[in-house]
Amino acid sequence: MSLSIDHIVIRVQDLEQTIADFTTLGFTVQRGGTHADGATHNALIGFADGSYVELIAFLRDAPEHRWWDASRRIGDGFVDYALLPQSVASTIAAARERGLSYDGPLAGGRLRPDGERLEWQIGKPSSADLPFLCGDVTPRHLRVAEGDVRHHANGAHGVANITLAVHDLDASLARYRALLGEPDVQRAPLPGYDVALAILSLGATTLTLASPTRETRPPAEGLAADIRHHLASRGEGVFAVALETYVDGAGRRLERTLAHGAIIELVANPSIRRDR
């Protein structure tokens, strides 16, 4: 069953400041509006490959919300990502047949600043290492605008890779196999880094599951330590994102303060062009 990257979610405290900061980083940011439950509002960074980054902030206390950060304990940063299915219901049914539980389809929606009302369906996973599903009910171009808003001064074109921090690589990989069917998987240990990886292909995007190897005395710094810290403070989920750019010499890691805690890297790809 066909699945592709829908969007990546960054939770922030101050949406207006975040819009200004990501604009400074070279992104074209669109105001998204208020979600149907009134708990959150958002802004979007859309890409030419059809995916986007969602910048989301709470408008009220919402302890029932899966992304709620009580007492601002965790802070800004990645909280989730979504896959786009052809059918949320069919994808959930197929996952259940392979032993993986998803809740849904559940109704979702948002009121855009121009008054346009959007509707979608979601599927919620049973574990934090997995993505949620987000499928459009209203036309997709209403949720993910097309045209010049997908062009960015920094050349960002689409999502090249999402790295996910997971506790148990084998268990997470089994869940992803149940969700995706039988994806192509590469196991890639990183000697000297105390990190084990599994890389899955999802169209033009790769998903990298990263887990620190079990060591009696964890290193004080380095990739394994960063992943351990992420797991301890934020739990399983999105650790870092790489975006392709068509701008020569633009490849770099974005300033993390302006990216509101998110690890985002621009990776130059000379084979893509702005008009694609």
C-alpha atoms as a PDB file:
ATOM      1  CA  MET A   1       0.000   0.000   0.000  1.00  0.00           C
ATOM      2  CA  SER A   2       1.435   3.344  -1.067  1.00  0.00           C
ATOM      3  CA  LEU A   3       2.517   5.706   1.710  1.00  0.00           C
ATOM      4  CA  SER A   4       4.573   8.883   1.450  1.00  0.00           C
ATOM      5  CA  ILE A   5       5.787  11.620   3.765  1.00  0.00           C
ATOM      6  CA  ASP A   6       2.938  14.001   4.570  1.00  0.00           C
ATOM      7  CA  HIS A   7       4.439  16.369   7.134  1.00  0.00           C
ATOM      8  CA  ILE A   8       6.786  16.825  10.081  1.00  0.00           C
ATOM      9  CA  VAL A   9       5.592  18.575  13.239  1.00  0.00           C
ATOM     10  CA  ILE A  10       7.580  21.087  15.298  1.00  0.00           C
ATOM     11  CA  ARG A  11       5.828  22.246  18.477  1.00  0.00           C
ATOM     12  CA  VAL A  12       6.659  25.790  19.632  1.00  0.00           C
ATOM     13  CA  GLN A  13       5.537  28.184  22.346  1.00  0.00           C
ATOM     14  CA  ASP A  14       5.393  31.410  20.306  1.00  0.00           C
ATOM     15  CA  LEU A  15       4.109  30.931  16.760  1.00  0.00           C
ATOM     16  CA  GLU A  16       4.726  34.527  15.652  1.00  0.00           C
ATOM     17  CA  GLN A  17       8.370  34.429  16.737  1.00  0.00           C
ATOM     18  CA  THR A  18       8.787  31.032  15.100  1.00  0.00           C
ATOM     19  CA  ILE A  19       7.419  32.327  11.790  1.00  0.00           C
ATOM     20  CA  ALA A  20       9.944  35.183  11.926  1.00  0.00           C
ATOM     21  CA  ASP A  21      12.820  32.838  12.793  1.00  0.00           C
ATOM     22  CA  PHE A  22      12.127  30.320  10.033  1.00  0.00           C
ATOM     23  CA  THR A  23      11.762  33.196   7.579  1.00  0.00           C
ATOM     24  CA  THR A  24      15.234  34.320   8.654  1.00  0.00           C
ATOM     25  CA  LEU A  25      16.480  30.791   7.901  1.00  0.00           C
ATOM     26  CA  GLY A  26      15.316  31.213   4.296  1.00  0.00           C
ATOM     27  CA  PHE A  27      11.924  29.499   4.347  1.00  0.00           C
ATOM     28  CA  THR A  28       8.644  30.781   2.911  1.00  0.00           C
ATOM     29  CA  VAL A  29       6.172  30.374   5.788  1.00  0.00           C
ATOM     30  CA  GLN A  30       2.387  30.261   5.343  1.00  0.00           C
ATOM     31  CA  ARG A  31      -0.089  30.950   8.133  1.00  0.00           C
ATOM     32  CA  GLY A  32      -2.261  27.880   8.527  1.00  0.00           C
ATOM     33  CA  GLY A  33      -5.061  28.902  10.882  1.00  0.00           C
ATOM     34  CA  THR A  34      -6.758  27.340  13.911  1.00  0.00           C
ATOM     35  CA  HIS A  35      -7.552  23.651  14.334  1.00  0.00           C
ATOM     36  CA  ALA A  36     -11.105  22.454  14.783  1.00  0.00           C
ATOM     37  CA  ASP A  37     -10.756  21.788  18.523  1.00  0.00           C
ATOM     38  CA  GLY A  38      -9.546  25.341  19.157  1.00  0.00           C
ATOM     39  CA  ALA A  39      -6.501  24.067  21.043  1.00  0.00           C
ATOM     40  CA  THR A  40      -3.815  24.861  18.496  1.00  0.00           C
ATOM     41  CA  HIS A  41      -2.907  27.081  15.563  1.00  0.00           C
ATOM     42  CA  ASN A  42      -0.183  26.586  13.019  1.00  0.00           C
ATOM     43  CA  ALA A  43       1.971  27.758  10.147  1.00  0.00           C
ATOM     44  CA  LEU A  44       3.294  25.670   7.270  1.00  0.00           C
ATOM     45  CA  ILE A  45       6.474  25.357   5.230  1.00  0.00           C
ATOM     46  CA  GLY A  46       5.522  23.555   2.030  1.00  0.00           C
ATOM     47  CA  PHE A  47       7.984  21.836  -0.303  1.00  0.00           C
ATOM     48  CA  ALA A  48       8.022  21.038  -4.008  1.00  0.00           C
ATOM     49  CA  ASP A  49       7.848  17.295  -3.267  1.00  0.00           C
ATOM     50  CA  GLY A  50       4.396  17.830  -1.693  1.00  0.00           C
ATOM     51  CA  SER A  51       5.447  17.398   1.931  1.00  0.00           C
ATOM     52  CA  TYR A  52       5.626  20.153   4.529  1.00  0.00           C
ATOM     53  CA  VAL A  53       6.793  21.149   7.984  1.00  0.00           C
ATOM     54  CA  GLU A  54       4.076  22.162  10.432  1.00  0.00           C
ATOM     55  CA  LEU A  55       4.906  24.743  13.096  1.00  0.00           C
ATOM     56  CA  ILE A  56       2.259  24.351  15.794  1.00  0.00           C
ATOM     57  CA  ALA A  57       1.530  26.190  19.051  1.00  0.00           C
ATOM     58  CA  PHE A  58      -1.143  25.799  21.711  1.00  0.00           C
ATOM     59  CA  LEU A  59      -3.827  28.429  22.242  1.00  0.00           C
ATOM     60  CA  ARG A  60      -5.087  26.956  25.524  1.00  0.00           C
ATOM     61  CA  ASP A  61      -4.226  24.277  28.040  1.00  0.00           C
ATOM     62  CA  ALA A  62      -4.899  20.910  26.432  1.00  0.00           C
ATOM     63  CA  PRO A  63      -3.708  18.011  28.635  1.00  0.00           C
ATOM     64  CA  GLU A  64      -5.754  15.631  26.462  1.00  0.00           C
ATOM     65  CA  HIS A  65      -3.625  16.470  23.414  1.00  0.00           C
ATOM     66  CA  ARG A  66      -0.789  14.077  22.537  1.00  0.00           C
ATOM     67  CA  TRP A  67       1.588  17.011  21.901  1.00  0.00           C
ATOM     68  CA  TRP A  68       0.746  18.976  25.050  1.00  0.00           C
ATOM     69  CA  ASP A  69       3.856  19.984  27.004  1.00  0.00           C
ATOM     70  CA  ALA A  70       2.703  20.432  30.609  1.00  0.00           C
ATOM     71  CA  SER A  71       4.525  23.270  32.392  1.00  0.00           C
ATOM     72  CA  ARG A  72       6.685  23.673  29.263  1.00  0.00           C
ATOM     73  CA  ARG A  73       8.825  20.842  30.603  1.00  0.00           C
ATOM     74  CA  ILE A  74      10.250  19.665  27.283  1.00  0.00           C
ATOM     75  CA  GLY A  75      10.243  22.837  25.196  1.00  0.00           C
ATOM     76  CA  ASP A  76      10.207  23.529  21.480  1.00  0.00           C
ATOM     77  CA  GLY A  77      11.243  20.922  18.926  1.00  0.00           C
ATOM     78  CA  PHE A  78      10.104  17.944  16.891  1.00  0.00           C
ATOM     79  CA  VAL A  79       7.111  16.080  18.286  1.00  0.00           C
ATOM     80  CA  ASP A  80       5.805  13.897  15.449  1.00  0.00           C
ATOM     81  CA  TYR A  81       5.510  13.200  11.760  1.00  0.00           C
ATOM     82  CA  ALA A  82       2.771  11.914   9.471  1.00  0.00           C
ATOM     83  CA  LEU A  83       2.490   9.665   6.443  1.00  0.00           C
ATOM     84  CA  LEU A  84       0.000  10.283   3.646  1.00  0.00           C
ATOM     85  CA  PRO A  85      -2.070   7.209   2.716  1.00  0.00           C
ATOM     86  CA  GLN A  86      -4.355   6.708  -0.244  1.00  0.00           C
ATOM     87  CA  SER A  87      -6.955   5.670   2.344  1.00  0.00           C
ATOM     88  CA  VAL A  88      -6.604   5.994   6.110  1.00  0.00           C
ATOM     89  CA  ALA A  89      -9.170   3.255   6.736  1.00  0.00           C
ATOM     90  CA  SER A  90      -7.538   0.796   4.334  1.00  0.00           C
ATOM     91  CA  THR A  91      -4.060   1.461   5.707  1.00  0.00           C
ATOM     92  CA  ILE A  92      -5.248   0.910   9.270  1.00  0.00           C
ATOM     93  CA  ALA A  93      -7.011  -2.307   8.255  1.00  0.00           C
ATOM     94  CA  ALA A  94      -3.893  -3.619   6.503  1.00  0.00           C
ATOM     95  CA  ALA A  95      -1.709  -2.770   9.505  1.00  0.00           C
ATOM     96  CA  ARG A  96      -4.099  -4.568  11.835  1.00  0.00           C
ATOM     97  CA  GLU A  97      -3.974  -7.668   9.647  1.00  0.00           C
ATOM     98  CA  ARG A  98      -0.197  -7.636  10.155  1.00  0.00           C
ATOM     99  CA  GLY A  99      -0.621  -7.295  13.929  1.00  0.00           C
ATOM    100  CA  LEU A 100      -0.123  -3.528  14.305  1.00  0.00           C
ATOM    101  CA  SER A 101      -2.726  -1.451  16.119  1.00  0.00           C
ATOM    102  CA  TYR A 102      -3.795   1.999  14.868  1.00  0.00           C
ATOM    103  CA  ASP A 103      -6.801   3.963  16.140  1.00  0.00           C
ATOM    104  CA  GLY A 104      -9.104   5.578  13.598  1.00  0.00           C
ATOM    105  CA  PRO A 105     -10.032   6.857  11.183  1.00  0.00           C
ATOM    106  CA  LEU A 106     -10.581   9.968  13.329  1.00  0.00           C
ATOM    107  CA  ALA A 107     -11.894  13.278  12.002  1.00  0.00           C
ATOM    108  CA  GLY A 108      -9.676  16.353  11.933  1.00  0.00           C
ATOM    109  CA  GLY A 109      -9.887  19.814  10.490  1.00  0.00           C
ATOM    110  CA  ARG A 110      -8.706  23.400  10.453  1.00  0.00           C
ATOM    111  CA  LEU A 111     -10.100  26.846   9.609  1.00  0.00           C
ATOM    112  CA  ARG A 112      -7.692  28.784   7.408  1.00  0.00           C
ATOM    113  CA  PRO A 113      -7.210  32.557   7.889  1.00  0.00           C
ATOM    114  CA  ASP A 114      -9.131  33.138   4.629  1.00  0.00           C
ATOM    115  CA  GLY A 115     -12.160  31.282   6.009  1.00  0.00           C
ATOM    116  CA  GLU A 116     -11.637  28.052   4.059  1.00  0.00           C
ATOM    117  CA  ARG A 117     -12.473  25.014   6.172  1.00  0.00           C
ATOM    118  CA  LEU A 118     -10.330  21.910   5.718  1.00  0.00           C
ATOM    119  CA  GLU A 119     -11.110  18.337   6.714  1.00  0.00           C
ATOM    120  CA  TRP A 120      -8.962  15.236   6.990  1.00  0.00           C
ATOM    121  CA  GLN A 121      -8.831  11.848   8.689  1.00  0.00           C
ATOM    122  CA  ILE A 122      -6.058  10.606  10.924  1.00  0.00           C
ATOM    123  CA  GLY A 123      -4.881   7.278  12.270  1.00  0.00           C
ATOM    124  CA  LYS A 124      -3.110   7.224  15.632  1.00  0.00           C
ATOM    125  CA  PRO A 125      -0.364   4.671  16.326  1.00  0.00           C
ATOM    126  CA  SER A 126      -0.030   2.701  19.530  1.00  0.00           C
ATOM    127  CA  SER A 127       3.630   3.643  20.053  1.00  0.00           C
ATOM    128  CA  ALA A 128       5.568   6.913  19.780  1.00  0.00           C
ATOM    129  CA  ASP A 129       8.203   5.594  17.355  1.00  0.00           C
ATOM    130  CA  LEU A 130       5.580   5.298  14.597  1.00  0.00           C
ATOM    131  CA  PRO A 131       4.073   8.111  12.498  1.00  0.00           C
ATOM    132  CA  PHE A 132       0.429   9.030  12.522  1.00  0.00           C
ATOM    133  CA  LEU A 133      -1.580   8.867   9.307  1.00  0.00           C
ATOM    134  CA  CYS A 134      -3.136  11.966   7.749  1.00  0.00           C
ATOM    135  CA  GLY A 135      -5.408  11.677   4.716  1.00  0.00           C
ATOM    136  CA  ASP A 136      -7.331  14.514   3.086  1.00  0.00           C
ATOM    137  CA  VAL A 137     -11.118  14.649   2.865  1.00  0.00           C
ATOM    138  CA  THR A 138     -11.229  18.103   1.276  1.00  0.00           C
ATOM    139  CA  PRO A 139      -8.900  18.669  -1.727  1.00  0.00           C
ATOM    140  CA  ARG A 140      -5.258  18.417  -0.700  1.00  0.00           C
ATOM    141  CA  HIS A 141      -4.243  21.703  -2.342  1.00  0.00           C
ATOM    142  CA  LEU A 142      -6.405  23.484   0.233  1.00  0.00           C
ATOM    143  CA  ARG A 143      -4.283  22.040   3.050  1.00  0.00           C
ATOM    144  CA  VAL A 144      -0.927  22.132   1.247  1.00  0.00           C
ATOM    145  CA  ALA A 145      -0.818  25.218  -0.966  1.00  0.00           C
ATOM    146  CA  GLU A 146       0.866  25.023  -4.351  1.00  0.00           C
ATOM    147  CA  GLY A 147       2.837  27.532  -6.403  1.00  0.00           C
ATOM    148  CA  ASP A 148       5.413  30.078  -5.231  1.00  0.00           C
ATOM    149  CA  VAL A 149       4.822  29.341  -1.542  1.00  0.00           C
ATOM    150  CA  ARG A 150       6.756  26.097  -2.109  1.00  0.00           C
ATOM    151  CA  HIS A 151       9.869  27.988  -3.201  1.00  0.00           C
ATOM    152  CA  HIS A 152      12.388  29.006  -0.553  1.00  0.00           C
ATOM    153  CA  ALA A 153      15.364  31.344  -0.522  1.00  0.00           C
ATOM    154  CA  ASN A 154      17.515  28.536   0.916  1.00  0.00           C
ATOM    155  CA  GLY A 155      16.488  26.208  -1.917  1.00  0.00           C
ATOM    156  CA  ALA A 156      14.743  23.632   0.276  1.00  0.00           C
ATOM    157  CA  HIS A 157      12.969  21.259  -2.105  1.00  0.00           C
ATOM    158  CA  GLY A 158      11.796  18.276  -0.060  1.00  0.00           C
ATOM    159  CA  VAL A 159      12.469  15.802   2.717  1.00  0.00           C
ATOM    160  CA  ALA A 160      15.542  13.652   2.057  1.00  0.00           C
ATOM    161  CA  ASN A 161      15.692  11.823   5.400  1.00  0.00           C
ATOM    162  CA  ILE A 162      13.989  11.618   8.768  1.00  0.00           C
ATOM    163  CA  THR A 163      16.067  10.134  11.589  1.00  0.00           C
ATOM    164  CA  LEU A 164      14.055   8.610  14.424  1.00  0.00           C
ATOM    165  CA  ALA A 165      15.396   7.872  17.892  1.00  0.00           C
ATOM    166  CA  VAL A 166      14.134   4.502  19.142  1.00  0.00           C
ATOM    167  CA  HIS A 167      14.762   2.427  22.263  1.00  0.00           C
ATOM    168  CA  ASP A 168      14.728  -1.037  20.690  1.00  0.00           C
ATOM    169  CA  LEU A 169      15.801  -1.154  17.052  1.00  0.00           C
ATOM    170  CA  ASP A 170      14.489  -4.656  16.364  1.00  0.00           C
ATOM    171  CA  ALA A 171      11.096  -3.958  17.928  1.00  0.00           C
ATOM    172  CA  SER A 172      10.679  -0.659  16.065  1.00  0.00           C
ATOM    173  CA  LEU A 173      11.761  -2.229  12.797  1.00  0.00           C
ATOM    174  CA  ALA A 174       9.154  -4.976  13.243  1.00  0.00           C
ATOM    175  CA  ARG A 175       6.453  -2.324  13.753  1.00  0.00           C
ATOM    176  CA  TYR A 176       7.556  -0.435  10.636  1.00  0.00           C
ATOM    177  CA  ARG A 177       7.472  -3.662   8.620  1.00  0.00           C
ATOM    178  CA  ALA A 178       3.901  -4.195   9.809  1.00  0.00           C
ATOM    179  CA  LEU A 179       2.951  -0.644   8.800  1.00  0.00           C
ATOM    180  CA  LEU A 180       4.742  -0.493   5.450  1.00  0.00           C
ATOM    181  CA  GLY A 181       4.460  -4.109   4.397  1.00  0.00           C
ATOM    182  CA  GLU A 182       7.908  -5.336   3.397  1.00  0.00           C
ATOM    183  CA  PRO A 183      10.001  -2.215   2.824  1.00  0.00           C
ATOM    184  CA  ASP A 184      13.592  -2.325   1.630  1.00  0.00           C
ATOM    185  CA  VAL A 185      15.747  -2.237   4.770  1.00  0.00           C
ATOM    186  CA  GLN A 186      19.467  -1.757   5.242  1.00  0.00           C
ATOM    187  CA  ARG A 187      21.058  -2.509   8.595  1.00  0.00           C
ATOM    188  CA  ALA A 188      23.965  -0.138   9.114  1.00  0.00           C
ATOM    189  CA  PRO A 189      25.992  -0.278  12.336  1.00  0.00           C
ATOM    190  CA  LEU A 190      28.188   2.743  13.002  1.00  0.00           C
ATOM    191  CA  PRO A 191      31.483   1.445  14.404  1.00  0.00           C
ATOM    192  CA  GLY A 192      32.914   3.833  16.926  1.00  0.00           C
ATOM    193  CA  TYR A 193      29.646   5.714  17.427  1.00  0.00           C
ATOM    194  CA  ASP A 194      27.822   3.142  19.613  1.00  0.00           C
ATOM    195  CA  VAL A 195      24.717   3.525  17.442  1.00  0.00           C
ATOM    196  CA  ALA A 196      22.861   0.908  15.392  1.00  0.00           C
ATOM    197  CA  LEU A 197      20.817   1.988  12.375  1.00  0.00           C
ATOM    198  CA  ALA A 198      18.122   0.597  10.118  1.00  0.00           C
ATOM    199  CA  ILE A 199      17.383   2.547   6.938  1.00  0.00           C
ATOM    200  CA  LEU A 200      14.031   2.196   5.172  1.00  0.00           C
ATOM    201  CA  SER A 201      13.110   3.579   1.757  1.00  0.00           C
ATOM    202  CA  LEU A 202       9.857   5.496   1.451  1.00  0.00           C
ATOM    203  CA  GLY A 203       9.725   6.843  -2.083  1.00  0.00           C
ATOM    204  CA  ALA A 204      12.371   9.543  -2.464  1.00  0.00           C
ATOM    205  CA  THR A 205      12.728   9.803   1.318  1.00  0.00           C
ATOM    206  CA  THR A 206      14.615   7.530   3.686  1.00  0.00           C
ATOM    207  CA  LEU A 207      13.657   6.801   7.272  1.00  0.00           C
ATOM    208  CA  THR A 208      16.568   6.050   9.584  1.00  0.00           C
ATOM    209  CA  LEU A 209      15.821   4.269  12.855  1.00  0.00           C
ATOM    210  CA  ALA A 210      18.668   5.000  15.278  1.00  0.00           C
ATOM    211  CA  SER A 211      19.237   3.330  18.616  1.00  0.00           C
ATOM    212  CA  PRO A 212      22.244   3.595  20.942  1.00  0.00           C
ATOM    213  CA  THR A 213      23.878   0.256  21.525  1.00  0.00           C
ATOM    214  CA  ARG A 214      23.652  -1.101  25.031  1.00  0.00           C
ATOM    215  CA  GLU A 215      26.718   0.033  26.928  1.00  0.00           C
ATOM    216  CA  THR A 216      27.336  -0.239  30.649  1.00  0.00           C
ATOM    217  CA  ARG A 217      28.844   3.236  30.720  1.00  0.00           C
ATOM    218  CA  PRO A 218      27.280   5.491  28.059  1.00  0.00           C
ATOM    219  CA  PRO A 219      29.607   8.023  26.452  1.00  0.00           C
ATOM    220  CA  ALA A 220      29.422  11.586  27.772  1.00  0.00           C
ATOM    221  CA  GLU A 221      29.178  13.095  24.289  1.00  0.00           C
ATOM    222  CA  GLY A 222      28.699  12.204  20.643  1.00  0.00           C
ATOM    223  CA  LEU A 223      25.814  10.824  18.592  1.00  0.00           C
ATOM    224  CA  ALA A 224      24.947   7.994  20.989  1.00  0.00           C
ATOM    225  CA  ALA A 225      24.820  10.430  23.907  1.00  0.00           C
ATOM    226  CA  ASP A 226      22.633  12.828  21.933  1.00  0.00           C
ATOM    227  CA  ILE A 227      20.190  10.056  21.066  1.00  0.00           C
ATOM    228  CA  ARG A 228      20.139   8.836  24.668  1.00  0.00           C
ATOM    229  CA  HIS A 229      19.408  12.368  25.852  1.00  0.00           C
ATOM    230  CA  HIS A 230      16.622  12.702  23.291  1.00  0.00           C
ATOM    231  CA  LEU A 231      15.060   9.412  24.392  1.00  0.00           C
ATOM    232  CA  ALA A 232      15.285  10.389  28.061  1.00  0.00           C
ATOM    233  CA  SER A 233      13.891  13.906  27.625  1.00  0.00           C
ATOM    234  CA  ARG A 234      11.535  13.712  24.621  1.00  0.00           C
ATOM    235  CA  GLY A 235      10.956   9.991  24.139  1.00  0.00           C
ATOM    236  CA  GLU A 236      10.944   8.081  20.866  1.00  0.00           C
ATOM    237  CA  GLY A 237      10.318   9.912  17.621  1.00  0.00           C
ATOM    238  CA  VAL A 238      11.825  12.432  15.228  1.00  0.00           C
ATOM    239  CA  PHE A 239      15.445  13.212  16.120  1.00  0.00           C
ATOM    240  CA  ALA A 240      16.693  15.028  13.001  1.00  0.00           C
ATOM    241  CA  VAL A 241      15.581  15.925   9.488  1.00  0.00           C
ATOM    242  CA  ALA A 242      17.565  16.439   6.279  1.00  0.00           C
ATOM    243  CA  LEU A 243      16.066  18.605   3.535  1.00  0.00           C
ATOM    244  CA  GLU A 244      17.297  18.615  -0.050  1.00  0.00           C
ATOM    245  CA  THR A 245      18.267  21.981  -1.525  1.00  0.00           C
ATOM    246  CA  TYR A 246      18.936  22.930  -5.138  1.00  0.00           C
ATOM    247  CA  VAL A 247      21.040  25.995  -4.170  1.00  0.00           C
ATOM    248  CA  ASP A 248      24.748  25.386  -4.751  1.00  0.00           C
ATOM    249  CA  GLY A 249      26.754  25.657  -1.556  1.00  0.00           C
ATOM    250  CA  ALA A 250      23.661  25.899   0.631  1.00  0.00           C
ATOM    251  CA  GLY A 251      24.215  22.575   2.407  1.00  0.00           C
ATOM    252  CA  ARG A 252      24.591  23.143   6.137  1.00  0.00           C
ATOM    253  CA  ARG A 253      23.022  22.477   9.512  1.00  0.00           C
ATOM    254  CA  LEU A 254      20.586  25.246  10.373  1.00  0.00           C
ATOM    255  CA  GLU A 255      21.108  27.278  13.521  1.00  0.00           C
ATOM    256  CA  ARG A 256      19.257  25.287  16.145  1.00  0.00           C
ATOM    257  CA  THR A 257      18.120  28.336  18.131  1.00  0.00           C
ATOM    258  CA  LEU A 258      16.337  29.781  15.091  1.00  0.00           C
ATOM    259  CA  ALA A 259      14.980  26.315  14.280  1.00  0.00           C
ATOM    260  CA  HIS A 260      13.453  26.168  17.787  1.00  0.00           C
ATOM    261  CA  GLY A 261      15.377  23.150  18.959  1.00  0.00           C
ATOM    262  CA  ALA A 262      14.920  21.121  15.783  1.00  0.00           C
ATOM    263  CA  ILE A 263      17.992  19.526  14.172  1.00  0.00           C
ATOM    264  CA  ILE A 264      17.549  20.379  10.481  1.00  0.00           C
ATOM    265  CA  GLU A 265      20.219  19.970   7.833  1.00  0.00           C
ATOM    266  CA  LEU A 266      20.154  21.232   4.261  1.00  0.00           C
ATOM    267  CA  VAL A 267      21.744  18.707   1.902  1.00  0.00           C
ATOM    268  CA  ALA A 268      22.762  19.935  -1.549  1.00  0.00           C
ATOM    269  CA  ASN A 269      21.462  17.870  -4.463  1.00  0.00           C
ATOM    270  CA  PRO A 270      22.636  19.225  -7.828  1.00  0.00           C
ATOM    271  CA  SER A 271      20.249  16.937  -9.711  1.00  0.00           C
ATOM    272  CA  ILE A 272      17.151  18.895  -8.651  1.00  0.00           C
ATOM    273  CA  ARG A 273      16.116  22.294  -9.970  1.00  0.00           C
ATOM    274  CA  ARG A 274      13.839  25.035  -8.716  1.00  0.00           C
ATOM    275  CA  ASP A 275      11.226  24.470 -11.398  1.00  0.00           C
ATOM    276  CA  ARG A 276      10.722  20.803 -10.572  1.00  0.00           C
END
